[in-house]
Amino acid sequence: MRLLVLAAVVELLLPISARSELPHEIPFRYQDGLIWLKVELAGKKERMNFLLDSGASVSAIIFAIDLGSVSECCQQHIDGILGADFFRDRIVQIDFKAGKICLLKNCKLNTANCDTLRIRMRNGAFCVPVRIAGNPVQWMRLDTGCDSALEWVVTGTEKRRMGGPSIGLSAASVHYMNVSARLGKHSFNDIAAGIHTREIFPGEDGLLGNGLLSKFCLTIDERKSRVVFENPSYSPAANH
């Protein structure tokens, strides 16, 4: 599940600049289903633990608030997040296999090995089209701050097409079931999806998280409003 605690305390977060000069390659550690970065900030002697969270609209430093429970869940302290503003006006490639983020000058990939989906901006975040359990396309938040594969907002129509045993749903809890999912030409079966009867974010159909995203080499090209999913058998690109 996405770290919703972060969204709940956004008014207590101090925005930081995501436009700083950065190296072309940034190493990361993929742990507990999340992307961890070591960030150096002016005036700080020690490097800080940040999450790359494309599902958050802004980058932020967390301060003056006890997020011990969240840090305990992640088994380490969280100092801040790099949100969707980090991706703006950039071409950002997330190479899960190599454990690095590449800032590309252009997006020249082997199109035969890739699938390109368009991006829609909703609530300051990236949303992409996903088909779940044979339902029509739904727009889900591309969320690297979500450690699960799918968090699916189910309406009456989708509920009829879920298949499998019936599920007792309540606003106070999230139930999971295995579903099929399709991203462009890539299909997956038996994907664990959290089932929600209420919207997580207004006008969005759920979250597409790292449980699925990590199966690809992912390139987010905000300039051209597209995201490129490179085949799970990809070779890390070197066009930066």
C-alpha atoms as a PDB file:
ATOM      1  CA  MET A   1       0.000   0.000   0.000  1.00  0.00           C
ATOM      2  CA  ARG A   2       1.142   3.547  -0.731  1.00  0.00           C
ATOM      3  CA  LEU A   3       2.556   5.463   2.212  1.00  0.00           C
ATOM      4  CA  LEU A   4      -0.618   7.505   2.653  1.00  0.00           C
ATOM      5  CA  VAL A   5       0.745   9.001   5.869  1.00  0.00           C
ATOM      6  CA  LEU A   6       2.994  11.186   3.726  1.00  0.00           C
ATOM      7  CA  ALA A   7       0.036  12.598   1.829  1.00  0.00           C
ATOM      8  CA  ALA A   8      -1.841  13.230   5.055  1.00  0.00           C
ATOM      9  CA  VAL A   9       0.863  15.507   6.465  1.00  0.00           C
ATOM     10  CA  VAL A  10       1.697  17.411   3.300  1.00  0.00           C
ATOM     11  CA  GLU A  11       0.916  20.740   4.976  1.00  0.00           C
ATOM     12  CA  LEU A  12       3.774  20.052   7.390  1.00  0.00           C
ATOM     13  CA  LEU A  13       6.331  19.349   4.673  1.00  0.00           C
ATOM     14  CA  LEU A  14       8.961  21.811   3.582  1.00  0.00           C
ATOM     15  CA  PRO A  15       9.182  21.897  -0.239  1.00  0.00           C
ATOM     16  CA  ILE A  16      12.685  21.551  -1.666  1.00  0.00           C
ATOM     17  CA  SER A  17      14.042  22.311  -5.092  1.00  0.00           C
ATOM     18  CA  ALA A  18      13.948  19.431  -7.564  1.00  0.00           C
ATOM     19  CA  ARG A  19      15.722  21.519 -10.196  1.00  0.00           C
ATOM     20  CA  SER A  20      19.176  21.336  -8.639  1.00  0.00           C
ATOM     21  CA  GLU A  21      22.124  20.304 -10.775  1.00  0.00           C
ATOM     22  CA  LEU A  22      22.302  16.518 -10.695  1.00  0.00           C
ATOM     23  CA  PRO A  23      24.660  13.846 -11.988  1.00  0.00           C
ATOM     24  CA  HIS A  24      23.539  11.878 -15.044  1.00  0.00           C
ATOM     25  CA  GLU A  25      23.365   8.677 -12.989  1.00  0.00           C
ATOM     26  CA  ILE A  26      21.983   8.317  -9.486  1.00  0.00           C
ATOM     27  CA  PRO A  27      22.340   4.973  -7.677  1.00  0.00           C
ATOM     28  CA  PHE A  28      19.452   3.699  -5.598  1.00  0.00           C
ATOM     29  CA  ARG A  29      18.596   0.765  -3.379  1.00  0.00           C
ATOM     30  CA  TYR A  30      15.370  -1.112  -4.015  1.00  0.00           C
ATOM     31  CA  GLN A  31      14.216  -2.354  -0.624  1.00  0.00           C
ATOM     32  CA  ASP A  32      10.834  -3.152   0.924  1.00  0.00           C
ATOM     33  CA  GLY A  33       9.249  -2.424  -2.461  1.00  0.00           C
ATOM     34  CA  LEU A  34      10.470   1.185  -2.444  1.00  0.00           C
ATOM     35  CA  ILE A  35      13.231   3.182  -4.162  1.00  0.00           C
ATOM     36  CA  TRP A  36      15.727   4.601  -1.644  1.00  0.00           C
ATOM     37  CA  LEU A  37      18.163   7.388  -2.515  1.00  0.00           C
ATOM     38  CA  LYS A  38      20.988   8.974  -0.556  1.00  0.00           C
ATOM     39  CA  VAL A  39      20.609  12.757  -0.885  1.00  0.00           C
ATOM     40  CA  GLU A  40      23.149  15.428   0.031  1.00  0.00           C
ATOM     41  CA  LEU A  41      21.716  18.759   1.176  1.00  0.00           C
ATOM     42  CA  ALA A  42      23.523  22.010   1.866  1.00  0.00           C
ATOM     43  CA  GLY A  43      24.210  22.437   5.558  1.00  0.00           C
ATOM     44  CA  LYS A  44      23.817  18.733   6.304  1.00  0.00           C
ATOM     45  CA  LYS A  45      26.915  16.690   7.114  1.00  0.00           C
ATOM     46  CA  GLU A  46      25.280  13.311   6.620  1.00  0.00           C
ATOM     47  CA  ARG A  47      23.485  12.107   3.539  1.00  0.00           C
ATOM     48  CA  MET A  48      19.745  11.759   3.995  1.00  0.00           C
ATOM     49  CA  ASN A  49      17.357   8.907   3.184  1.00  0.00           C
ATOM     50  CA  PHE A  50      14.871   9.913   0.487  1.00  0.00           C
ATOM     51  CA  LEU A  51      12.190   7.951  -1.328  1.00  0.00           C
ATOM     52  CA  LEU A  52      11.581   8.412  -5.039  1.00  0.00           C
ATOM     53  CA  ASP A  53       7.824   8.894  -5.017  1.00  0.00           C
ATOM     54  CA  SER A  54       6.302   9.800  -8.381  1.00  0.00           C
ATOM     55  CA  GLY A  55       2.882   9.562  -6.717  1.00  0.00           C
ATOM     56  CA  ALA A  56       3.572  12.665  -4.610  1.00  0.00           C
ATOM     57  CA  SER A  57       3.026  15.950  -6.444  1.00  0.00           C
ATOM     58  CA  VAL A  58       5.949  17.765  -4.779  1.00  0.00           C
ATOM     59  CA  SER A  59       9.327  16.933  -3.272  1.00  0.00           C
ATOM     60  CA  ALA A  60       9.708  17.562   0.424  1.00  0.00           C
ATOM     61  CA  ILE A  61      11.867  17.265   3.518  1.00  0.00           C
ATOM     62  CA  ILE A  62      10.066  15.728   6.471  1.00  0.00           C
ATOM     63  CA  PHE A  63      10.645  17.608   9.692  1.00  0.00           C
ATOM     64  CA  ALA A  64       9.013  18.526  13.000  1.00  0.00           C
ATOM     65  CA  ILE A  65       6.742  15.506  12.898  1.00  0.00           C
ATOM     66  CA  ASP A  66       6.971  11.976  14.222  1.00  0.00           C
ATOM     67  CA  LEU A  67       6.932   9.524  11.332  1.00  0.00           C
ATOM     68  CA  GLY A  68       8.428   6.777  13.460  1.00  0.00           C
ATOM     69  CA  SER A  69       5.661   4.340  12.606  1.00  0.00           C
ATOM     70  CA  VAL A  70       6.234   4.813   8.873  1.00  0.00           C
ATOM     71  CA  SER A  71      10.001   4.549   9.232  1.00  0.00           C
ATOM     72  CA  GLU A  72       9.550   1.416  11.358  1.00  0.00           C
ATOM     73  CA  CYS A  73       7.370  -0.101   8.645  1.00  0.00           C
ATOM     74  CA  CYS A  74      10.114   0.651   6.109  1.00  0.00           C
ATOM     75  CA  GLN A  75      12.789  -0.562   8.563  1.00  0.00           C
ATOM     76  CA  GLN A  76      14.716   2.696   8.242  1.00  0.00           C
ATOM     77  CA  HIS A  77      14.304   6.414   8.794  1.00  0.00           C
ATOM     78  CA  ILE A  78      12.712   8.563   6.067  1.00  0.00           C
ATOM     79  CA  ASP A  79      14.102  12.076   5.714  1.00  0.00           C
ATOM     80  CA  GLY A  80      12.185  13.161   2.631  1.00  0.00           C
ATOM     81  CA  ILE A  81      10.701  12.383  -0.755  1.00  0.00           C
ATOM     82  CA  LEU A  82      11.439  13.255  -4.365  1.00  0.00           C
ATOM     83  CA  GLY A  83       8.037  13.714  -5.949  1.00  0.00           C
ATOM     84  CA  ALA A  84       6.560  14.309  -9.398  1.00  0.00           C
ATOM     85  CA  ASP A  85       8.209  17.735  -9.682  1.00  0.00           C
ATOM     86  CA  PHE A  86      11.561  15.932  -9.882  1.00  0.00           C
ATOM     87  CA  PHE A  87      10.448  14.454 -13.225  1.00  0.00           C
ATOM     88  CA  ARG A  88       9.233  17.679 -14.801  1.00  0.00           C
ATOM     89  CA  ASP A  89      11.186  18.893 -17.851  1.00  0.00           C
ATOM     90  CA  ARG A  90      13.349  15.782 -17.590  1.00  0.00           C
ATOM     91  CA  ILE A  91      13.589  12.325 -19.127  1.00  0.00           C
ATOM     92  CA  VAL A  92      14.075  10.022 -16.154  1.00  0.00           C
ATOM     93  CA  GLN A  93      14.890   6.345 -16.574  1.00  0.00           C
ATOM     94  CA  ILE A  94      14.450   4.046 -13.569  1.00  0.00           C
ATOM     95  CA  ASP A  95      16.561   0.955 -14.115  1.00  0.00           C
ATOM     96  CA  PHE A  96      15.490  -1.491 -11.407  1.00  0.00           C
ATOM     97  CA  LYS A  97      17.834  -4.181 -12.689  1.00  0.00           C
ATOM     98  CA  ALA A  98      20.947  -1.972 -12.472  1.00  0.00           C
ATOM     99  CA  GLY A  99      19.783  -0.071  -9.387  1.00  0.00           C
ATOM    100  CA  LYS A 100      20.218   3.370 -10.932  1.00  0.00           C
ATOM    101  CA  ILE A 101      18.299   6.372 -12.173  1.00  0.00           C
ATOM    102  CA  CYS A 102      19.515   7.874 -15.459  1.00  0.00           C
ATOM    103  CA  LEU A 103      18.775  11.428 -16.562  1.00  0.00           C
ATOM    104  CA  LEU A 104      18.619  11.134 -20.344  1.00  0.00           C
ATOM    105  CA  LYS A 105      19.150  13.801 -22.975  1.00  0.00           C
ATOM    106  CA  ASN A 106      16.777  11.992 -25.317  1.00  0.00           C
ATOM    107  CA  CYS A 107      14.571   8.931 -25.321  1.00  0.00           C
ATOM    108  CA  LYS A 108      15.994   6.760 -28.105  1.00  0.00           C
ATOM    109  CA  LEU A 109      15.128   3.214 -27.117  1.00  0.00           C
ATOM    110  CA  ASN A 110      14.638  -0.009 -29.042  1.00  0.00           C
ATOM    111  CA  THR A 111      10.962   0.450 -29.818  1.00  0.00           C
ATOM    112  CA  ALA A 112      10.574  -3.237 -30.712  1.00  0.00           C
ATOM    113  CA  ASN A 113      11.413  -4.035 -27.102  1.00  0.00           C
ATOM    114  CA  CYS A 114       9.305  -1.278 -25.563  1.00  0.00           C
ATOM    115  CA  ASP A 115       5.739  -0.208 -25.029  1.00  0.00           C
ATOM    116  CA  THR A 116       4.902   3.494 -24.813  1.00  0.00           C
ATOM    117  CA  LEU A 117       1.865   4.744 -22.909  1.00  0.00           C
ATOM    118  CA  ARG A 118       0.639   8.292 -22.754  1.00  0.00           C
ATOM    119  CA  ILE A 119       0.489  10.193 -19.499  1.00  0.00           C
ATOM    120  CA  ARG A 120      -2.401  12.242 -18.181  1.00  0.00           C
ATOM    121  CA  MET A 121      -1.804  14.692 -15.359  1.00  0.00           C
ATOM    122  CA  ARG A 122      -4.352  14.427 -12.567  1.00  0.00           C
ATOM    123  CA  ASN A 123      -4.049  16.054  -9.162  1.00  0.00           C
ATOM    124  CA  GLY A 124      -0.447  16.996  -9.959  1.00  0.00           C
ATOM    125  CA  ALA A 125       0.601  13.377 -10.612  1.00  0.00           C
ATOM    126  CA  PHE A 126       1.166  11.073 -13.591  1.00  0.00           C
ATOM    127  CA  CYS A 127      -1.619   8.682 -14.563  1.00  0.00           C
ATOM    128  CA  VAL A 128      -1.398   5.907 -17.173  1.00  0.00           C
ATOM    129  CA  PRO A 129      -3.981   3.600 -18.803  1.00  0.00           C
ATOM    130  CA  VAL A 130      -4.301   0.123 -17.279  1.00  0.00           C
ATOM    131  CA  ARG A 131      -6.723  -2.710 -18.007  1.00  0.00           C
ATOM    132  CA  ILE A 132      -7.617  -4.904 -15.047  1.00  0.00           C
ATOM    133  CA  ALA A 133      -9.579  -8.165 -15.119  1.00  0.00           C
ATOM    134  CA  GLY A 134     -10.796  -7.529 -18.661  1.00  0.00           C
ATOM    135  CA  ASN A 135     -12.412  -4.200 -17.780  1.00  0.00           C
ATOM    136  CA  PRO A 136     -12.160  -1.106 -19.999  1.00  0.00           C
ATOM    137  CA  VAL A 137      -9.069   1.070 -19.631  1.00  0.00           C
ATOM    138  CA  GLN A 138      -8.788   2.881 -16.314  1.00  0.00           C
ATOM    139  CA  TRP A 139      -6.385   5.698 -15.421  1.00  0.00           C
ATOM    140  CA  MET A 140      -4.158   4.826 -12.489  1.00  0.00           C
ATOM    141  CA  ARG A 141      -1.496   6.871 -10.745  1.00  0.00           C
ATOM    142  CA  LEU A 142       2.071   5.883 -11.710  1.00  0.00           C
ATOM    143  CA  ASP A 143       3.319   5.596  -8.172  1.00  0.00           C
ATOM    144  CA  THR A 144       6.895   4.657  -7.253  1.00  0.00           C
ATOM    145  CA  GLY A 145       5.943   5.434  -3.643  1.00  0.00           C
ATOM    146  CA  CYS A 146       3.574   2.441  -3.604  1.00  0.00           C
ATOM    147  CA  ASP A 147       5.192  -0.855  -2.636  1.00  0.00           C
ATOM    148  CA  SER A 148       2.341  -3.052  -3.879  1.00  0.00           C
ATOM    149  CA  ALA A 149       1.520  -3.939  -7.490  1.00  0.00           C
ATOM    150  CA  LEU A 150      -1.989  -2.493  -7.762  1.00  0.00           C
ATOM    151  CA  GLU A 151      -4.428  -0.581  -5.597  1.00  0.00           C
ATOM    152  CA  TRP A 152      -7.673  -0.750  -7.567  1.00  0.00           C
ATOM    153  CA  VAL A 153     -10.695   1.495  -7.051  1.00  0.00           C
ATOM    154  CA  VAL A 154     -13.669  -0.736  -7.847  1.00  0.00           C
ATOM    155  CA  THR A 155     -17.042   0.694  -8.848  1.00  0.00           C
ATOM    156  CA  GLY A 156     -20.225  -1.283  -9.411  1.00  0.00           C
ATOM    157  CA  THR A 157     -19.335  -2.033 -13.048  1.00  0.00           C
ATOM    158  CA  GLU A 158     -15.832  -3.342 -12.311  1.00  0.00           C
ATOM    159  CA  LYS A 159     -17.093  -5.315  -9.311  1.00  0.00           C
ATOM    160  CA  ARG A 160     -19.369  -7.333 -11.585  1.00  0.00           C
ATOM    161  CA  ARG A 161     -16.381  -8.236 -13.761  1.00  0.00           C
ATOM    162  CA  MET A 162     -13.897  -9.069 -11.033  1.00  0.00           C
ATOM    163  CA  GLY A 163     -14.635 -12.776 -11.149  1.00  0.00           C
ATOM    164  CA  GLY A 164     -13.564 -15.268  -8.512  1.00  0.00           C
ATOM    165  CA  PRO A 165     -15.164 -15.550  -5.072  1.00  0.00           C
ATOM    166  CA  SER A 166     -17.156 -12.657  -3.672  1.00  0.00           C
ATOM    167  CA  ILE A 167     -15.308 -10.296  -1.353  1.00  0.00           C
ATOM    168  CA  GLY A 168     -16.551  -8.466   1.700  1.00  0.00           C
ATOM    169  CA  LEU A 169     -15.410  -4.858   1.315  1.00  0.00           C
ATOM    170  CA  SER A 170     -15.415  -2.122   3.950  1.00  0.00           C
ATOM    171  CA  ALA A 171     -14.178   1.455   4.103  1.00  0.00           C
ATOM    172  CA  ALA A 172     -12.013   0.611   7.116  1.00  0.00           C
ATOM    173  CA  SER A 173     -10.000  -2.168   5.520  1.00  0.00           C
ATOM    174  CA  VAL A 174      -8.480  -3.200   2.217  1.00  0.00           C
ATOM    175  CA  HIS A 175      -8.919  -6.689   0.866  1.00  0.00           C
ATOM    176  CA  TYR A 176      -6.670  -8.234  -1.751  1.00  0.00           C
ATOM    177  CA  MET A 177      -7.444 -10.567  -4.616  1.00  0.00           C
ATOM    178  CA  ASN A 178      -5.510 -11.866  -7.610  1.00  0.00           C
ATOM    179  CA  VAL A 179      -6.423 -10.270 -10.940  1.00  0.00           C
ATOM    180  CA  SER A 180      -5.095 -10.030 -14.471  1.00  0.00           C
ATOM    181  CA  ALA A 181      -3.547  -6.738 -15.573  1.00  0.00           C
ATOM    182  CA  ARG A 182      -2.511  -5.334 -18.937  1.00  0.00           C
ATOM    183  CA  LEU A 183      -0.077  -2.470 -19.580  1.00  0.00           C
ATOM    184  CA  GLY A 184      -0.080  -1.801 -23.310  1.00  0.00           C
ATOM    185  CA  LYS A 185       0.953  -5.110 -24.874  1.00  0.00           C
ATOM    186  CA  HIS A 186       2.264  -6.604 -21.618  1.00  0.00           C
ATOM    187  CA  SER A 187      -0.129  -8.915 -19.771  1.00  0.00           C
ATOM    188  CA  PHE A 188       0.191 -10.336 -16.259  1.00  0.00           C
ATOM    189  CA  ASN A 189      -1.885 -12.901 -14.410  1.00  0.00           C
ATOM    190  CA  ASP A 190      -2.449 -13.480 -10.703  1.00  0.00           C
ATOM    191  CA  ILE A 191      -1.411  -9.974  -9.653  1.00  0.00           C
ATOM    192  CA  ALA A 192      -2.350  -9.157  -6.058  1.00  0.00           C
ATOM    193  CA  ALA A 193      -4.545  -6.053  -6.098  1.00  0.00           C
ATOM    194  CA  GLY A 194      -5.841  -4.108  -3.135  1.00  0.00           C
ATOM    195  CA  ILE A 195      -9.577  -3.504  -3.594  1.00  0.00           C
ATOM    196  CA  HIS A 196     -10.963  -0.068  -2.698  1.00  0.00           C
ATOM    197  CA  THR A 197     -14.590   1.046  -2.838  1.00  0.00           C
ATOM    198  CA  ARG A 198     -13.708   4.727  -2.463  1.00  0.00           C
ATOM    199  CA  GLU A 199     -11.352   6.891  -4.492  1.00  0.00           C
ATOM    200  CA  ILE A 200      -7.818   7.192  -3.162  1.00  0.00           C
ATOM    201  CA  PHE A 201      -7.353  10.410  -5.149  1.00  0.00           C
ATOM    202  CA  PRO A 202     -10.232  12.303  -6.831  1.00  0.00           C
ATOM    203  CA  GLY A 203     -10.905  11.291 -10.421  1.00  0.00           C
ATOM    204  CA  GLU A 204      -8.329   8.470 -10.397  1.00  0.00           C
ATOM    205  CA  ASP A 205      -8.905   4.725 -10.604  1.00  0.00           C
ATOM    206  CA  GLY A 206      -6.150   3.589  -8.255  1.00  0.00           C
ATOM    207  CA  LEU A 207      -2.383   3.156  -8.010  1.00  0.00           C
ATOM    208  CA  LEU A 208       0.110   1.337 -10.219  1.00  0.00           C
ATOM    209  CA  GLY A 209       2.942   0.504  -7.853  1.00  0.00           C
ATOM    210  CA  ASN A 210       6.419  -0.979  -7.771  1.00  0.00           C
ATOM    211  CA  GLY A 211       5.156  -4.537  -7.572  1.00  0.00           C
ATOM    212  CA  LEU A 212       4.517  -4.215 -11.327  1.00  0.00           C
ATOM    213  CA  LEU A 213       6.753  -1.278 -12.247  1.00  0.00           C
ATOM    214  CA  SER A 214       9.862  -3.122 -11.050  1.00  0.00           C
ATOM    215  CA  LYS A 215       9.322  -5.723 -13.768  1.00  0.00           C
ATOM    216  CA  PHE A 216      10.369  -3.097 -16.329  1.00  0.00           C
ATOM    217  CA  CYS A 217      13.046  -0.577 -17.087  1.00  0.00           C
ATOM    218  CA  LEU A 218      10.868   2.506 -16.816  1.00  0.00           C
ATOM    219  CA  THR A 219      11.438   5.789 -18.662  1.00  0.00           C
ATOM    220  CA  ILE A 220       9.239   8.762 -17.752  1.00  0.00           C
ATOM    221  CA  ASP A 221       9.384  11.433 -20.461  1.00  0.00           C
ATOM    222  CA  GLU A 222       7.416  14.300 -18.949  1.00  0.00           C
ATOM    223  CA  ARG A 223       8.238  16.612 -21.847  1.00  0.00           C
ATOM    224  CA  LYS A 224       6.311  14.433 -24.299  1.00  0.00           C
ATOM    225  CA  SER A 225       3.727  13.196 -21.792  1.00  0.00           C
ATOM    226  CA  ARG A 226       4.686   9.548 -22.145  1.00  0.00           C
ATOM    227  CA  VAL A 227       6.141   6.664 -20.214  1.00  0.00           C
ATOM    228  CA  VAL A 228       8.140   3.864 -21.830  1.00  0.00           C
ATOM    229  CA  PHE A 229       7.975   0.342 -20.408  1.00  0.00           C
ATOM    230  CA  GLU A 230      10.966  -1.636 -21.607  1.00  0.00           C
ATOM    231  CA  ASN A 231      10.468  -5.387 -21.832  1.00  0.00           C
ATOM    232  CA  PRO A 232      11.192  -7.369 -18.643  1.00  0.00           C
ATOM    233  CA  SER A 233      14.119  -8.982 -20.498  1.00  0.00           C
ATOM    234  CA  TYR A 234      15.615  -5.542 -21.174  1.00  0.00           C
ATOM    235  CA  SER A 235      19.292  -4.628 -21.263  1.00  0.00           C
ATOM    236  CA  PRO A 236      19.986  -1.409 -19.305  1.00  0.00           C
ATOM    237  CA  ALA A 237      20.118   1.553 -21.711  1.00  0.00           C
ATOM    238  CA  ALA A 238      23.202   3.759 -21.934  1.00  0.00           C
ATOM    239  CA  ASN A 239      21.930   6.749 -23.917  1.00  0.00           C
ATOM    240  CA  HIS A 240      22.456   9.417 -21.272  1.00  0.00           C
END
